[in-house]
Amino acid sequence: MSAQKPTLLQVVKAVLGAMVGVQSERQRQQDFTASSPLPYIVVGIIFTLLFVATLLLVVSWVLS
């Protein structure tokens, strides 16, 4: 069984679903059968940095 390479949209959906905590069992199984975890890690780090930057900007804006 060869794992298919996920598209960028599939990776983004999987990462956002995991960050929010709402992901179907079927989607989770598909993510774990992917050929490499690297795309998920990279997108996860990018979204985490964007989330932290957004929080910092909002707090800075509110406190100014």
C-alpha atoms as a PDB file:
ATOM      1  CA  MET A   1       0.000   0.000   0.000  1.00  0.00           C
ATOM      2  CA  SER A   2       1.618   3.253  -1.092  1.00  0.00           C
ATOM      3  CA  ALA A   3       0.688   6.423   0.717  1.00  0.00           C
ATOM      4  CA  GLN A   4      -0.357   9.287  -1.501  1.00  0.00           C
ATOM      5  CA  LYS A   5       1.232  12.666  -1.007  1.00  0.00           C
ATOM      6  CA  PRO A   6      -1.317  15.060   0.552  1.00  0.00           C
ATOM      7  CA  THR A   7      -2.126  18.323  -1.185  1.00  0.00           C
ATOM      8  CA  LEU A   8      -1.455  21.649   0.500  1.00  0.00           C
ATOM      9  CA  LEU A   9      -5.176  22.135   1.138  1.00  0.00           C
ATOM     10  CA  GLN A  10      -5.428  18.714   2.798  1.00  0.00           C
ATOM     11  CA  VAL A  11      -2.458  19.495   5.041  1.00  0.00           C
ATOM     12  CA  VAL A  12      -3.886  22.903   6.008  1.00  0.00           C
ATOM     13  CA  LYS A  13      -7.290  21.356   6.800  1.00  0.00           C
ATOM     14  CA  ALA A  14      -5.652  18.638   8.890  1.00  0.00           C
ATOM     15  CA  VAL A  15      -3.500  21.094  10.839  1.00  0.00           C
ATOM     16  CA  LEU A  16      -6.362  23.519  11.492  1.00  0.00           C
ATOM     17  CA  GLY A  17      -8.616  20.648  12.544  1.00  0.00           C
ATOM     18  CA  ALA A  18      -5.956  19.355  14.912  1.00  0.00           C
ATOM     19  CA  MET A  19      -5.318  22.821  16.374  1.00  0.00           C
ATOM     20  CA  VAL A  20      -9.020  23.354  17.059  1.00  0.00           C
ATOM     21  CA  GLY A  21      -9.511  19.750  18.165  1.00  0.00           C
ATOM     22  CA  VAL A  22     -12.244  18.800  15.722  1.00  0.00           C
ATOM     23  CA  GLN A  23     -11.042  16.153  13.339  1.00  0.00           C
ATOM     24  CA  SER A  24     -12.841  13.037  12.140  1.00  0.00           C
ATOM     25  CA  GLU A  25     -11.380   9.602  12.750  1.00  0.00           C
ATOM     26  CA  ARG A  26     -11.196   9.016   8.989  1.00  0.00           C
ATOM     27  CA  GLN A  27      -9.203  12.226   8.475  1.00  0.00           C
ATOM     28  CA  ARG A  28      -6.876  11.375  11.360  1.00  0.00           C
ATOM     29  CA  GLN A  29      -6.196   7.928   9.908  1.00  0.00           C
ATOM     30  CA  GLN A  30      -5.507   9.477   6.508  1.00  0.00           C
ATOM     31  CA  ASP A  31      -3.036  11.902   8.108  1.00  0.00           C
ATOM     32  CA  PHE A  32      -1.172   9.098   9.861  1.00  0.00           C
ATOM     33  CA  THR A  33      -0.832   7.087   6.665  1.00  0.00           C
ATOM     34  CA  ALA A  34       0.775  10.000   4.803  1.00  0.00           C
ATOM     35  CA  SER A  35       4.214   9.325   3.411  1.00  0.00           C
ATOM     36  CA  SER A  36       5.960  11.965   5.524  1.00  0.00           C
ATOM     37  CA  PRO A  37       5.035  14.034   8.589  1.00  0.00           C
ATOM     38  CA  LEU A  38       7.219  16.922   7.397  1.00  0.00           C
ATOM     39  CA  PRO A  39       4.457  18.921   5.616  1.00  0.00           C
ATOM     40  CA  TYR A  40       2.253  18.708   8.716  1.00  0.00           C
ATOM     41  CA  ILE A  41       5.083  19.846  10.969  1.00  0.00           C
ATOM     42  CA  VAL A  42       6.008  22.794   8.744  1.00  0.00           C
ATOM     43  CA  VAL A  43       2.400  23.967   8.342  1.00  0.00           C
ATOM     44  CA  GLY A  44       1.812  23.487  12.073  1.00  0.00           C
ATOM     45  CA  ILE A  45       4.801  25.659  12.959  1.00  0.00           C
ATOM     46  CA  ILE A  46       3.737  28.351  10.470  1.00  0.00           C
ATOM     47  CA  PHE A  47       0.171  28.465  11.811  1.00  0.00           C
ATOM     48  CA  THR A  48       1.418  28.520  15.411  1.00  0.00           C
ATOM     49  CA  LEU A  49       3.703  31.469  14.652  1.00  0.00           C
ATOM     50  CA  LEU A  50       0.864  33.279  12.880  1.00  0.00           C
ATOM     51  CA  PHE A  51      -1.436  32.643  15.848  1.00  0.00           C
ATOM     52  CA  VAL A  52       1.111  33.987  18.353  1.00  0.00           C
ATOM     53  CA  ALA A  53       1.837  37.024  16.155  1.00  0.00           C
ATOM     54  CA  THR A  54      -1.890  37.736  15.892  1.00  0.00           C
ATOM     55  CA  LEU A  55      -2.289  37.511  19.654  1.00  0.00           C
ATOM     56  CA  LEU A  56       0.639  39.878  20.184  1.00  0.00           C
ATOM     57  CA  LEU A  57      -0.770  42.379  17.709  1.00  0.00           C
ATOM     58  CA  VAL A  58      -4.239  42.276  19.277  1.00  0.00           C
ATOM     59  CA  VAL A  59      -2.878  42.689  22.805  1.00  0.00           C
ATOM     60  CA  SER A  60      -0.607  45.517  21.659  1.00  0.00           C
ATOM     61  CA  TRP A  61      -3.543  47.212  19.955  1.00  0.00           C
ATOM     62  CA  VAL A  62      -5.805  46.831  23.005  1.00  0.00           C
ATOM     63  CA  LEU A  63      -3.192  48.157  25.418  1.00  0.00           C
ATOM     64  CA  SER A  64      -2.284  51.192  23.311  1.00  0.00           C
END
